[in-house]
Amino acid sequence: MSAGTTVVVLIAAPPGLRGHLTRWFIEAAPGVYVGSPNARIRDRLWSLLSDRIRDGQAVMIEPAATEQGWSARTCGRERWTPTDFDGLTLMARPRGGAGEPWRPGKEVKEKRPSA
């Protein structure tokens, strides 16, 4: 991935959104878009995606001045949420069916000896 490459992934998105993204990106696989729009275009596209995603999901991976060299934005239902762990971005999965991202808890699973 070059320094200016942006990746957008759409899951269960309305057809109009997919068509709109083809103006700025190429569709490398179904629902996966790759391109190099500038920051202004990315922000406008993200605003459009987050307003129109409805019951689907959208993820945008974009260049950023971070240790990893990228940042992530997510929107929609049952989405994975970017979570910062000491400067490292990891993706937290939704917990159960509630749509809430996973948060570290105090519960510890005990290791059982094998029989």
PDB file of N, CA and C in Angstrom:
ATOM      1  N   MET A   1       0.854  -1.166   0.000  1.00  0.00           N
ATOM      2  CA  MET A   1       0.000   0.000   0.000  1.00  0.00           C
ATOM      3  C   MET A   1       0.900   1.229   0.000  1.00  0.00           C
ATOM      4  N   SER A   2       0.724   2.117  -0.950  1.00  0.00           N
ATOM      5  CA  SER A   2       1.545   3.327  -1.010  1.00  0.00           C
ATOM      6  C   SER A   2       1.098   4.324   0.043  1.00  0.00           C
ATOM      7  N   ALA A   3       1.856   5.383   0.205  1.00  0.00           N
ATOM      8  CA  ALA A   3       1.615   6.362   1.265  1.00  0.00           C
ATOM      9  C   ALA A   3       0.240   7.014   1.189  1.00  0.00           C
ATOM     10  N   GLY A   4      -0.327   7.170  -0.005  1.00  0.00           N
ATOM     11  CA  GLY A   4      -1.606   7.853  -0.125  1.00  0.00           C
ATOM     12  C   GLY A   4      -2.788   6.947  -0.402  1.00  0.00           C
ATOM     13  N   THR A   5      -2.608   5.642  -0.291  1.00  0.00           N
ATOM     14  CA  THR A   5      -3.677   4.703  -0.632  1.00  0.00           C
ATOM     15  C   THR A   5      -4.740   4.647   0.453  1.00  0.00           C
ATOM     16  N   THR A   6      -5.991   4.644   0.026  1.00  0.00           N
ATOM     17  CA  THR A   6      -7.139   4.516   0.919  1.00  0.00           C
ATOM     18  C   THR A   6      -7.927   3.282   0.508  1.00  0.00           C
ATOM     19  N   VAL A   7      -8.395   2.529   1.501  1.00  0.00           N
ATOM     20  CA  VAL A   7      -9.195   1.338   1.244  1.00  0.00           C
ATOM     21  C   VAL A   7     -10.543   1.522   1.939  1.00  0.00           C
ATOM     22  N   VAL A   8     -11.628   1.249   1.227  1.00  0.00           N
ATOM     23  CA  VAL A   8     -12.975   1.302   1.792  1.00  0.00           C
ATOM     24  C   VAL A   8     -13.605  -0.069   1.594  1.00  0.00           C
ATOM     25  N   VAL A   9     -14.200  -0.592   2.679  1.00  0.00           N
ATOM     26  CA  VAL A   9     -14.906  -1.873   2.609  1.00  0.00           C
ATOM     27  C   VAL A   9     -16.361  -1.617   2.970  1.00  0.00           C
ATOM     28  N   LEU A  10     -17.281  -2.052   2.098  1.00  0.00           N
ATOM     29  CA  LEU A  10     -18.714  -1.924   2.340  1.00  0.00           C
ATOM     30  C   LEU A  10     -19.327  -3.308   2.493  1.00  0.00           C
ATOM     31  N   ILE A  11     -20.172  -3.456   3.505  1.00  0.00           N
ATOM     32  CA  ILE A  11     -20.883  -4.708   3.736  1.00  0.00           C
ATOM     33  C   ILE A  11     -22.370  -4.374   3.791  1.00  0.00           C
ATOM     34  N   ALA A  12     -23.161  -5.046   2.980  1.00  0.00           N
ATOM     35  CA  ALA A  12     -24.617  -4.857   2.924  1.00  0.00           C
ATOM     36  C   ALA A  12     -24.987  -3.386   2.738  1.00  0.00           C
ATOM     37  N   ALA A  13     -24.299  -2.726   1.827  1.00  0.00           N
ATOM     38  CA  ALA A  13     -24.545  -1.311   1.563  1.00  0.00           C
ATOM     39  C   ALA A  13     -25.569  -1.129   0.456  1.00  0.00           C
ATOM     40  N   PRO A  14     -26.309  -0.022   0.493  1.00  0.00           N
ATOM     41  CA  PRO A  14     -27.242   0.267  -0.598  1.00  0.00           C
ATOM     42  C   PRO A  14     -26.491   0.395  -1.926  1.00  0.00           C
ATOM     43  N   PRO A  15     -27.084  -0.047  -3.035  1.00  0.00           N
ATOM     44  CA  PRO A  15     -26.399  -0.017  -4.340  1.00  0.00           C
ATOM     45  C   PRO A  15     -25.908   1.375  -4.743  1.00  0.00           C
ATOM     46  N   GLY A  16     -26.620   2.426  -4.387  1.00  0.00           N
ATOM     47  CA  GLY A  16     -26.203   3.775  -4.750  1.00  0.00           C
ATOM     48  C   GLY A  16     -24.855   4.163  -4.175  1.00  0.00           C
ATOM     49  N   LEU A  17     -24.554   3.672  -2.992  1.00  0.00           N
ATOM     50  CA  LEU A  17     -23.252   3.973  -2.387  1.00  0.00           C
ATOM     51  C   LEU A  17     -22.120   3.319  -3.158  1.00  0.00           C
ATOM     52  N   ARG A  18     -22.343   2.090  -3.550  1.00  0.00           N
ATOM     53  CA  ARG A  18     -21.305   1.377  -4.303  1.00  0.00           C
ATOM     54  C   ARG A  18     -21.004   2.106  -5.608  1.00  0.00           C
ATOM     55  N   GLY A  19     -22.051   2.543  -6.298  1.00  0.00           N
ATOM     56  CA  GLY A  19     -21.857   3.284  -7.538  1.00  0.00           C
ATOM     57  C   GLY A  19     -21.155   4.606  -7.318  1.00  0.00           C
ATOM     58  N   HIS A  20     -21.498   5.279  -6.224  1.00  0.00           N
ATOM     59  CA  HIS A  20     -20.872   6.570  -5.929  1.00  0.00           C
ATOM     60  C   HIS A  20     -19.368   6.413  -5.682  1.00  0.00           C
ATOM     61  N   LEU A  21     -18.967   5.364  -4.991  1.00  0.00           N
ATOM     62  CA  LEU A  21     -17.546   5.158  -4.698  1.00  0.00           C
ATOM     63  C   LEU A  21     -16.718   4.883  -5.951  1.00  0.00           C
ATOM     64  N   THR A  22     -17.348   4.341  -7.000  1.00  0.00           N
ATOM     65  CA  THR A  22     -16.588   4.047  -8.216  1.00  0.00           C
ATOM     66  C   THR A  22     -16.136   5.309  -8.944  1.00  0.00           C
ATOM     67  N   ARG A  23     -16.618   6.465  -8.535  1.00  0.00           N
ATOM     68  CA  ARG A  23     -16.129   7.721  -9.101  1.00  0.00           C
ATOM     69  C   ARG A  23     -14.713   8.031  -8.626  1.00  0.00           C
ATOM     70  N   TRP A  24     -14.366   7.548  -7.428  1.00  0.00           N
ATOM     71  CA  TRP A  24     -13.084   7.902  -6.811  1.00  0.00           C
ATOM     72  C   TRP A  24     -12.163   6.702  -6.589  1.00  0.00           C
ATOM     73  N   PHE A  25     -12.732   5.497  -6.612  1.00  0.00           N
ATOM     74  CA  PHE A  25     -11.973   4.286  -6.313  1.00  0.00           C
ATOM     75  C   PHE A  25     -12.200   3.241  -7.398  1.00  0.00           C
ATOM     76  N   ILE A  26     -11.325   2.238  -7.418  1.00  0.00           N
ATOM     77  CA  ILE A  26     -11.609   1.059  -8.227  1.00  0.00           C
ATOM     78  C   ILE A  26     -12.111  -0.018  -7.275  1.00  0.00           C
ATOM     79  N   GLU A  27     -13.009  -0.854  -7.765  1.00  0.00           N
ATOM     80  CA  GLU A  27     -13.538  -1.941  -6.947  1.00  0.00           C
ATOM     81  C   GLU A  27     -12.670  -3.162  -7.196  1.00  0.00           C
ATOM     82  N   ALA A  28     -11.758  -3.449  -6.238  1.00  0.00           N
ATOM     83  CA  ALA A  28     -10.799  -4.538  -6.384  1.00  0.00           C
ATOM     84  C   ALA A  28     -11.452  -5.903  -6.188  1.00  0.00           C
ATOM     85  N   ALA A  29     -12.475  -5.955  -5.374  1.00  0.00           N
ATOM     86  CA  ALA A  29     -13.266  -7.160  -5.103  1.00  0.00           C
ATOM     87  C   ALA A  29     -14.646  -6.658  -4.699  1.00  0.00           C
ATOM     88  N   PRO A  30     -15.654  -7.523  -4.670  1.00  0.00           N
ATOM     89  CA  PRO A  30     -16.985  -7.034  -4.284  1.00  0.00           C
ATOM     90  C   PRO A  30     -16.981  -6.339  -2.917  1.00  0.00           C
ATOM     91  N   GLY A  31     -17.312  -5.065  -2.924  1.00  0.00           N
ATOM     92  CA  GLY A  31     -17.378  -4.293  -1.689  1.00  0.00           C
ATOM     93  C   GLY A  31     -16.055  -3.751  -1.192  1.00  0.00           C
ATOM     94  N   VAL A  32     -14.951  -3.967  -1.924  1.00  0.00           N
ATOM     95  CA  VAL A  32     -13.624  -3.481  -1.515  1.00  0.00           C
ATOM     96  C   VAL A  32     -13.146  -2.469  -2.553  1.00  0.00           C
ATOM     97  N   TYR A  33     -12.928  -1.237  -2.114  1.00  0.00           N
ATOM     98  CA  TYR A  33     -12.559  -0.136  -2.995  1.00  0.00           C
ATOM     99  C   TYR A  33     -11.186   0.396  -2.620  1.00  0.00           C
ATOM    100  N   VAL A  34     -10.348   0.656  -3.628  1.00  0.00           N
ATOM    101  CA  VAL A  34      -8.984   1.132  -3.406  1.00  0.00           C
ATOM    102  C   VAL A  34      -8.761   2.360  -4.262  1.00  0.00           C
ATOM    103  N   GLY A  35      -8.164   3.394  -3.667  1.00  0.00           N
ATOM    104  CA  GLY A  35      -7.869   4.612  -4.412  1.00  0.00           C
ATOM    105  C   GLY A  35      -6.971   5.530  -3.619  1.00  0.00           C
ATOM    106  N   SER A  36      -6.713   6.716  -4.190  1.00  0.00           N
ATOM    107  CA  SER A  36      -5.834   7.694  -3.555  1.00  0.00           C
ATOM    108  C   SER A  36      -6.442   9.094  -3.555  1.00  0.00           C
ATOM    109  N   PRO A  37      -7.654   9.253  -3.028  1.00  0.00           N
ATOM    110  CA  PRO A  37      -8.239  10.602  -2.991  1.00  0.00           C
ATOM    111  C   PRO A  37      -7.548  11.461  -1.932  1.00  0.00           C
ATOM    112  N   ASN A  38      -7.622  12.766  -2.100  1.00  0.00           N
ATOM    113  CA  ASN A  38      -7.016  13.641  -1.092  1.00  0.00           C
ATOM    114  C   ASN A  38      -7.896  13.691   0.166  1.00  0.00           C
ATOM    115  N   ALA A  39      -7.396  14.330   1.205  1.00  0.00           N
ATOM    116  CA  ALA A  39      -8.085  14.344   2.505  1.00  0.00           C
ATOM    117  C   ALA A  39      -9.476  14.981   2.415  1.00  0.00           C
ATOM    118  N   ARG A  40      -9.620  16.017   1.626  1.00  0.00           N
ATOM    119  CA  ARG A  40     -10.918  16.680   1.488  1.00  0.00           C
ATOM    120  C   ARG A  40     -11.950  15.736   0.882  1.00  0.00           C
ATOM    121  N   ILE A  41     -11.567  15.020  -0.158  1.00  0.00           N
ATOM    122  CA  ILE A  41     -12.478  14.061  -0.806  1.00  0.00           C
ATOM    123  C   ILE A  41     -12.804  12.926   0.159  1.00  0.00           C
ATOM    124  N   ARG A  42     -11.795  12.404   0.878  1.00  0.00           N
ATOM    125  CA  ARG A  42     -12.039  11.327   1.851  1.00  0.00           C
ATOM    126  C   ARG A  42     -13.043  11.754   2.908  1.00  0.00           C
ATOM    127  N   ASP A  43     -12.888  12.974   3.432  1.00  0.00           N
ATOM    128  CA  ASP A  43     -13.815  13.457   4.462  1.00  0.00           C
ATOM    129  C   ASP A  43     -15.239  13.582   3.925  1.00  0.00           C
ATOM    130  N   ARG A  44     -15.382  14.078   2.719  1.00  0.00           N
ATOM    131  CA  ARG A  44     -16.717  14.198   2.122  1.00  0.00           C
ATOM    132  C   ARG A  44     -17.327  12.829   1.832  1.00  0.00           C
ATOM    133  N   LEU A  45     -16.510  11.906   1.336  1.00  0.00           N
ATOM    134  CA  LEU A  45     -17.002  10.553   1.093  1.00  0.00           C
ATOM    135  C   LEU A  45     -17.411   9.884   2.395  1.00  0.00           C
ATOM    136  N   TRP A  46     -16.627  10.089   3.452  1.00  0.00           N
ATOM    137  CA  TRP A  46     -16.971   9.474   4.735  1.00  0.00           C
ATOM    138  C   TRP A  46     -18.284  10.036   5.272  1.00  0.00           C
ATOM    139  N   SER A  47     -18.480  11.326   5.122  1.00  0.00           N
ATOM    140  CA  SER A  47     -19.735  11.943   5.555  1.00  0.00           C
ATOM    141  C   SER A  47     -20.916  11.318   4.806  1.00  0.00           C
ATOM    142  N   LEU A  48     -20.767  11.133   3.500  1.00  0.00           N
ATOM    143  CA  LEU A  48     -21.808  10.511   2.687  1.00  0.00           C
ATOM    144  C   LEU A  48     -22.035   9.064   3.116  1.00  0.00           C
ATOM    145  N   LEU A  49     -20.963   8.302   3.305  1.00  0.00           N
ATOM    146  CA  LEU A  49     -21.089   6.896   3.707  1.00  0.00           C
ATOM    147  C   LEU A  49     -21.793   6.759   5.050  1.00  0.00           C
ATOM    148  N   SER A  50     -21.352   7.531   6.024  1.00  0.00           N
ATOM    149  CA  SER A  50     -21.932   7.395   7.365  1.00  0.00           C
ATOM    150  C   SER A  50     -23.393   7.835   7.408  1.00  0.00           C
ATOM    151  N   ASP A  51     -23.790   8.761   6.538  1.00  0.00           N
ATOM    152  CA  ASP A  51     -25.191   9.193   6.483  1.00  0.00           C
ATOM    153  C   ASP A  51     -26.095   8.180   5.790  1.00  0.00           C
ATOM    154  N   ARG A  52     -25.552   7.446   4.819  1.00  0.00           N
ATOM    155  CA  ARG A  52     -26.392   6.594   3.968  1.00  0.00           C
ATOM    156  C   ARG A  52     -26.189   5.090   4.138  1.00  0.00           C
ATOM    157  N   ILE A  53     -25.380   4.648   5.073  1.00  0.00           N
ATOM    158  CA  ILE A  53     -25.057   3.223   5.182  1.00  0.00           C
ATOM    159  C   ILE A  53     -26.243   2.387   5.656  1.00  0.00           C
ATOM    160  N   ARG A  54     -27.187   2.978   6.369  1.00  0.00           N
ATOM    161  CA  ARG A  54     -28.384   2.305   6.893  1.00  0.00           C
ATOM    162  C   ARG A  54     -28.025   1.090   7.738  1.00  0.00           C
ATOM    163  N   ASP A  55     -28.462  -0.113   7.319  1.00  0.00           N
ATOM    164  CA  ASP A  55     -28.218  -1.324   8.102  1.00  0.00           C
ATOM    165  C   ASP A  55     -26.898  -2.004   7.750  1.00  0.00           C
ATOM    166  N   GLY A  56     -26.136  -1.425   6.844  1.00  0.00           N
ATOM    167  CA  GLY A  56     -24.871  -2.026   6.433  1.00  0.00           C
ATOM    168  C   GLY A  56     -23.715  -1.591   7.323  1.00  0.00           C
ATOM    169  N   GLN A  57     -22.515  -1.823   6.833  1.00  0.00           N
ATOM    170  CA  GLN A  57     -21.299  -1.451   7.543  1.00  0.00           C
ATOM    171  C   GLN A  57     -20.314  -0.838   6.557  1.00  0.00           C
ATOM    172  N   ALA A  58     -19.507   0.095   7.037  1.00  0.00           N
ATOM    173  CA  ALA A  58     -18.461   0.682   6.212  1.00  0.00           C
ATOM    174  C   ALA A  58     -17.199   0.837   7.060  1.00  0.00           C
ATOM    175  N   VAL A  59     -16.063   0.558   6.428  1.00  0.00           N
ATOM    176  CA  VAL A  59     -14.758   0.723   7.066  1.00  0.00           C
ATOM    177  C   VAL A  59     -13.886   1.487   6.084  1.00  0.00           C
ATOM    178  N   MET A  60     -13.192   2.513   6.563  1.00  0.00           N
ATOM    179  CA  MET A  60     -12.242   3.239   5.729  1.00  0.00           C
ATOM    180  C   MET A  60     -10.878   3.198   6.413  1.00  0.00           C
ATOM    181  N   ILE A  61      -9.887   2.685   5.694  1.00  0.00           N
ATOM    182  CA  ILE A  61      -8.503   2.691   6.157  1.00  0.00           C
ATOM    183  C   ILE A  61      -7.804   3.759   5.335  1.00  0.00           C
ATOM    184  N   GLU A  62      -7.219   4.743   6.034  1.00  0.00           N
ATOM    185  CA  GLU A  62      -6.619   5.877   5.339  1.00  0.00           C
ATOM    186  C   GLU A  62      -5.243   6.193   5.901  1.00  0.00           C
ATOM    187  N   PRO A  63      -4.406   6.868   5.112  1.00  0.00           N
ATOM    188  CA  PRO A  63      -3.076   7.231   5.596  1.00  0.00           C
ATOM    189  C   PRO A  63      -3.182   8.180   6.784  1.00  0.00           C
ATOM    190  N   ALA A  64      -2.277   8.020   7.756  1.00  0.00           N
ATOM    191  CA  ALA A  64      -2.262   8.901   8.929  1.00  0.00           C
ATOM    192  C   ALA A  64      -0.849   8.939   9.504  1.00  0.00           C
ATOM    193  N   ALA A  65      -0.572   9.998  10.225  1.00  0.00           N
ATOM    194  CA  ALA A  65       0.740  10.157  10.863  1.00  0.00           C
ATOM    195  C   ALA A  65       0.753   9.419  12.195  1.00  0.00           C
ATOM    196  N   THR A  66       0.649   8.109  12.137  1.00  0.00           N
ATOM    197  CA  THR A  66       0.687   7.266  13.332  1.00  0.00           C
ATOM    198  C   THR A  66       1.843   6.281  13.183  1.00  0.00           C
ATOM    199  N   GLU A  67       2.108   5.549  14.240  1.00  0.00           N
ATOM    200  CA  GLU A  67       3.166   4.545  14.204  1.00  0.00           C
ATOM    201  C   GLU A  67       2.894   3.504  13.120  1.00  0.00           C
ATOM    202  N   GLN A  68       1.635   3.149  12.944  1.00  0.00           N
ATOM    203  CA  GLN A  68       1.262   2.160  11.936  1.00  0.00           C
ATOM    204  C   GLN A  68       1.189   2.750  10.525  1.00  0.00           C
ATOM    205  N   GLY A  69       1.058   4.070  10.421  1.00  0.00           N
ATOM    206  CA  GLY A  69       0.980   4.730   9.123  1.00  0.00           C
ATOM    207  C   GLY A  69      -0.426   4.820   8.564  1.00  0.00           C
ATOM    208  N   TRP A  70      -1.427   4.398   9.332  1.00  0.00           N
ATOM    209  CA  TRP A  70      -2.811   4.452   8.876  1.00  0.00           C
ATOM    210  C   TRP A  70      -3.749   4.619  10.069  1.00  0.00           C
ATOM    211  N   SER A  71      -4.989   4.999   9.762  1.00  0.00           N
ATOM    212  CA  SER A  71      -6.047   5.060  10.774  1.00  0.00           C
ATOM    213  C   SER A  71      -7.302   4.465  10.156  1.00  0.00           C
ATOM    214  N   ALA A  72      -8.262   4.129  11.005  1.00  0.00           N
ATOM    215  CA  ALA A  72      -9.487   3.483  10.528  1.00  0.00           C
ATOM    216  C   ALA A  72     -10.709   4.245  11.020  1.00  0.00           C
ATOM    217  N   ARG A  73     -11.733   4.286  10.166  1.00  0.00           N
ATOM    218  CA  ARG A  73     -13.040   4.825  10.537  1.00  0.00           C
ATOM    219  C   ARG A  73     -14.055   3.711  10.271  1.00  0.00           C
ATOM    220  N   THR A  74     -15.058   3.610  11.133  1.00  0.00           N
ATOM    221  CA  THR A  74     -16.111   2.621  10.925  1.00  0.00           C
ATOM    222  C   THR A  74     -17.468   3.253  11.172  1.00  0.00           C
ATOM    223  N   CYS A  75     -18.482   2.737  10.510  1.00  0.00           N
ATOM    224  CA  CYS A  75     -19.855   3.163  10.770  1.00  0.00           C
ATOM    225  C   CYS A  75     -20.801   2.041  10.384  1.00  0.00           C
ATOM    226  N   GLY A  76     -22.021   2.128  10.863  1.00  0.00           N
ATOM    227  CA  GLY A  76     -23.031   1.139  10.556  1.00  0.00           C
ATOM    228  C   GLY A  76     -23.350   0.270  11.762  1.00  0.00           C
ATOM    229  N   ARG A  77     -24.170  -0.736  11.533  1.00  0.00           N
ATOM    230  CA  ARG A  77     -24.588  -1.650  12.601  1.00  0.00           C
ATOM    231  C   ARG A  77     -23.600  -2.791  12.749  1.00  0.00           C
ATOM    232  N   GLU A  78     -23.509  -3.307  13.968  1.00  0.00           N
ATOM    233  CA  GLU A  78     -22.653  -4.463  14.266  1.00  0.00           C
ATOM    234  C   GLU A  78     -21.233  -4.274  13.745  1.00  0.00           C
ATOM    235  N   ARG A  79     -20.735  -3.049  13.852  1.00  0.00           N
ATOM    236  CA  ARG A  79     -19.416  -2.775  13.285  1.00  0.00           C
ATOM    237  C   ARG A  79     -18.303  -3.063  14.282  1.00  0.00           C
ATOM    238  N   TRP A  80     -17.132  -3.288  13.763  1.00  0.00           N
ATOM    239  CA  TRP A  80     -15.938  -3.395  14.580  1.00  0.00           C
ATOM    240  C   TRP A  80     -15.471  -1.968  14.853  1.00  0.00           C
ATOM    241  N   THR A  81     -14.950  -1.699  16.033  1.00  0.00           N
ATOM    242  CA  THR A  81     -14.588  -0.350  16.426  1.00  0.00           C
ATOM    243  C   THR A  81     -13.083  -0.219  16.605  1.00  0.00           C
ATOM    244  N   PRO A  82     -12.450   0.770  15.949  1.00  0.00           N
ATOM    245  CA  PRO A  82     -11.019   0.975  16.173  1.00  0.00           C
ATOM    246  C   PRO A  82     -10.784   1.376  17.632  1.00  0.00           C
ATOM    247  N   THR A  83      -9.828   0.712  18.279  1.00  0.00           N
ATOM    248  CA  THR A  83      -9.541   0.964  19.685  1.00  0.00           C
ATOM    249  C   THR A  83      -8.043   1.168  19.851  1.00  0.00           C
ATOM    250  N   ASP A  84      -7.670   2.207  20.573  1.00  0.00           N
ATOM    251  CA  ASP A  84      -6.259   2.521  20.781  1.00  0.00           C
ATOM    252  C   ASP A  84      -5.717   1.773  22.004  1.00  0.00           C
ATOM    253  N   PHE A  85      -4.653   1.022  21.806  1.00  0.00           N
ATOM    254  CA  PHE A  85      -3.943   0.351  22.892  1.00  0.00           C
ATOM    255  C   PHE A  85      -2.507   0.853  22.887  1.00  0.00           C
ATOM    256  N   ASP A  86      -2.248   1.892  23.675  1.00  0.00           N
ATOM    257  CA  ASP A  86      -0.911   2.484  23.774  1.00  0.00           C
ATOM    258  C   ASP A  86      -0.322   2.841  22.415  1.00  0.00           C
ATOM    259  N   GLY A  87      -1.109   3.476  21.585  1.00  0.00           N
ATOM    260  CA  GLY A  87      -0.645   3.929  20.285  1.00  0.00           C
ATOM    261  C   GLY A  87      -0.807   2.920  19.170  1.00  0.00           C
ATOM    262  N   LEU A  88      -1.238   1.716  19.477  1.00  0.00           N
ATOM    263  CA  LEU A  88      -1.468   0.677  18.484  1.00  0.00           C
ATOM    264  C   LEU A  88      -2.971   0.546  18.265  1.00  0.00           C
ATOM    265  N   THR A  89      -3.431   0.684  17.027  1.00  0.00           N
ATOM    266  CA  THR A  89      -4.850   0.575  16.736  1.00  0.00           C
ATOM    267  C   THR A  89      -5.211  -0.885  16.486  1.00  0.00           C
ATOM    268  N   LEU A  90      -6.148  -1.379  17.275  1.00  0.00           N
ATOM    269  CA  LEU A  90      -6.693  -2.718  17.102  1.00  0.00           C
ATOM    270  C   LEU A  90      -8.190  -2.586  16.886  1.00  0.00           C
ATOM    271  N   MET A  91      -8.802  -3.599  16.293  1.00  0.00           N
ATOM    272  CA  MET A  91     -10.228  -3.556  16.025  1.00  0.00           C
ATOM    273  C   MET A  91     -10.970  -4.394  17.057  1.00  0.00           C
ATOM    274  N   ALA A  92     -11.911  -3.759  17.782  1.00  0.00           N
ATOM    275  CA  ALA A  92     -12.725  -4.445  18.787  1.00  0.00           C
ATOM    276  C   ALA A  92     -14.000  -4.949  18.123  1.00  0.00           C
ATOM    277  N   ARG A  93     -14.267  -6.230  18.289  1.00  0.00           N
ATOM    278  CA  ARG A  93     -15.471  -6.836  17.719  1.00  0.00           C
ATOM    279  C   ARG A  93     -16.689  -6.490  18.555  1.00  0.00           C
ATOM    280  N   PRO A  94     -17.874  -6.480  17.937  1.00  0.00           N
ATOM    281  CA  PRO A  94     -19.091  -6.280  18.727  1.00  0.00           C
ATOM    282  C   PRO A  94     -19.276  -7.449  19.694  1.00  0.00           C
ATOM    283  N   ARG A  95     -19.790  -7.162  20.853  1.00  0.00           N
ATOM    284  CA  ARG A  95     -20.014  -8.201  21.850  1.00  0.00           C
ATOM    285  C   ARG A  95     -21.440  -8.705  21.741  1.00  0.00           C
ATOM    286  N   GLY A  96     -21.601 -10.007  21.548  1.00  0.00           N
ATOM    287  CA  GLY A  96     -22.939 -10.581  21.444  1.00  0.00           C
ATOM    288  C   GLY A  96     -23.708  -9.967  20.300  1.00  0.00           C
ATOM    289  N   GLY A  97     -25.000  -9.786  20.489  1.00  0.00           N
ATOM    290  CA  GLY A  97     -25.833  -9.182  19.460  1.00  0.00           C
ATOM    291  C   GLY A  97     -26.208  -7.755  19.792  1.00  0.00           C
ATOM    292  N   ALA A  98     -25.621  -7.202  20.862  1.00  0.00           N
ATOM    293  CA  ALA A  98     -26.028  -5.881  21.322  1.00  0.00           C
ATOM    294  C   ALA A  98     -25.421  -4.749  20.503  1.00  0.00           C
ATOM    295  N   GLY A  99     -24.424  -5.036  19.660  1.00  0.00           N
ATOM    296  CA  GLY A  99     -23.803  -3.987  18.873  1.00  0.00           C
ATOM    297  C   GLY A  99     -22.793  -3.176  19.658  1.00  0.00           C
ATOM    298  N   GLU A 100     -22.521  -3.566  20.886  1.00  0.00           N
ATOM    299  CA  GLU A 100     -21.530  -2.870  21.705  1.00  0.00           C
ATOM    300  C   GLU A 100     -20.151  -3.460  21.444  1.00  0.00           C
ATOM    301  N   PRO A 101     -19.115  -2.614  21.328  1.00  0.00           N
ATOM    302  CA  PRO A 101     -17.778  -3.154  21.119  1.00  0.00           C
ATOM    303  C   PRO A 101     -17.278  -3.877  22.366  1.00  0.00           C
ATOM    304  N   TRP A 102     -16.396  -4.817  22.172  1.00  0.00           N
ATOM    305  CA  TRP A 102     -15.801  -5.556  23.274  1.00  0.00           C
ATOM    306  C   TRP A 102     -14.954  -4.626  24.122  1.00  0.00           C
ATOM    307  N   ARG A 103     -15.048  -4.763  25.391  1.00  0.00           N
ATOM    308  CA  ARG A 103     -14.224  -4.011  26.345  1.00  0.00           C
ATOM    309  C   ARG A 103     -13.556  -5.021  27.266  1.00  0.00           C
ATOM    310  N   PRO A 104     -12.288  -4.830  27.587  1.00  0.00           N
ATOM    311  CA  PRO A 104     -11.642  -5.780  28.489  1.00  0.00           C
ATOM    312  C   PRO A 104     -12.356  -5.807  29.831  1.00  0.00           C
ATOM    313  N   GLY A 105     -12.613  -6.987  30.337  1.00  0.00           N
ATOM    314  CA  GLY A 105     -13.303  -7.135  31.611  1.00  0.00           C
ATOM    315  C   GLY A 105     -12.387  -7.692  32.679  1.00  0.00           C
ATOM    316  N   LYS A 106     -12.945  -7.898  33.847  1.00  0.00           N
ATOM    317  CA  LYS A 106     -12.166  -8.422  34.956  1.00  0.00           C
ATOM    318  C   LYS A 106     -12.268  -9.938  35.057  1.00  0.00           C
ATOM    319  N   GLU A 107     -13.171 -10.513  34.279  1.00  0.00           N
ATOM    320  CA  GLU A 107     -13.327 -11.954  34.359  1.00  0.00           C
ATOM    321  C   GLU A 107     -12.107 -12.646  33.736  1.00  0.00           C
ATOM    322  N   VAL A 108     -11.678 -13.706  34.374  1.00  0.00           N
ATOM    323  CA  VAL A 108     -10.523 -14.462  33.904  1.00  0.00           C
ATOM    324  C   VAL A 108     -10.948 -15.916  33.779  1.00  0.00           C
ATOM    325  N   LYS A 109     -10.691 -16.506  32.648  1.00  0.00           N
ATOM    326  CA  LYS A 109     -11.015 -17.911  32.475  1.00  0.00           C
ATOM    327  C   LYS A 109      -9.917 -18.756  33.120  1.00  0.00           C
ATOM    328  N   GLU A 110     -10.339 -19.719  33.886  1.00  0.00           N
ATOM    329  CA  GLU A 110      -9.377 -20.582  34.539  1.00  0.00           C
ATOM    330  C   GLU A 110      -8.927 -21.656  33.565  1.00  0.00           C
ATOM    331  N   LYS A 111      -7.645 -21.945  33.614  1.00  0.00           N
ATOM    332  CA  LYS A 111      -7.109 -23.005  32.784  1.00  0.00           C
ATOM    333  C   LYS A 111      -7.306 -24.329  33.484  1.00  0.00           C
ATOM    334  N   ARG A 112      -8.002 -25.236  32.838  1.00  0.00           N
ATOM    335  CA  ARG A 112      -8.287 -26.531  33.436  1.00  0.00           C
ATOM    336  C   ARG A 112      -7.212 -27.532  33.021  1.00  0.00           C
ATOM    337  N   PRO A 113      -6.770 -28.361  33.944  1.00  0.00           N
ATOM    338  CA  PRO A 113      -5.773 -29.376  33.584  1.00  0.00           C
ATOM    339  C   PRO A 113      -6.385 -30.405  32.635  1.00  0.00           C
ATOM    340  N   SER A 114      -5.585 -30.876  31.713  1.00  0.00           N
ATOM    341  CA  SER A 114      -6.084 -31.877  30.766  1.00  0.00           C
ATOM    342  C   SER A 114      -6.132 -33.252  31.436  1.00  0.00           C
ATOM    343  N   ALA A 115      -7.109 -34.041  31.019  1.00  0.00           N
ATOM    344  CA  ALA A 115      -7.324 -35.340  31.657  1.00  0.00           C
ATOM    345  C   ALA A 115      -6.503 -36.427  31.029  1.00  0.00           C
TER     346      ALA A 115
END
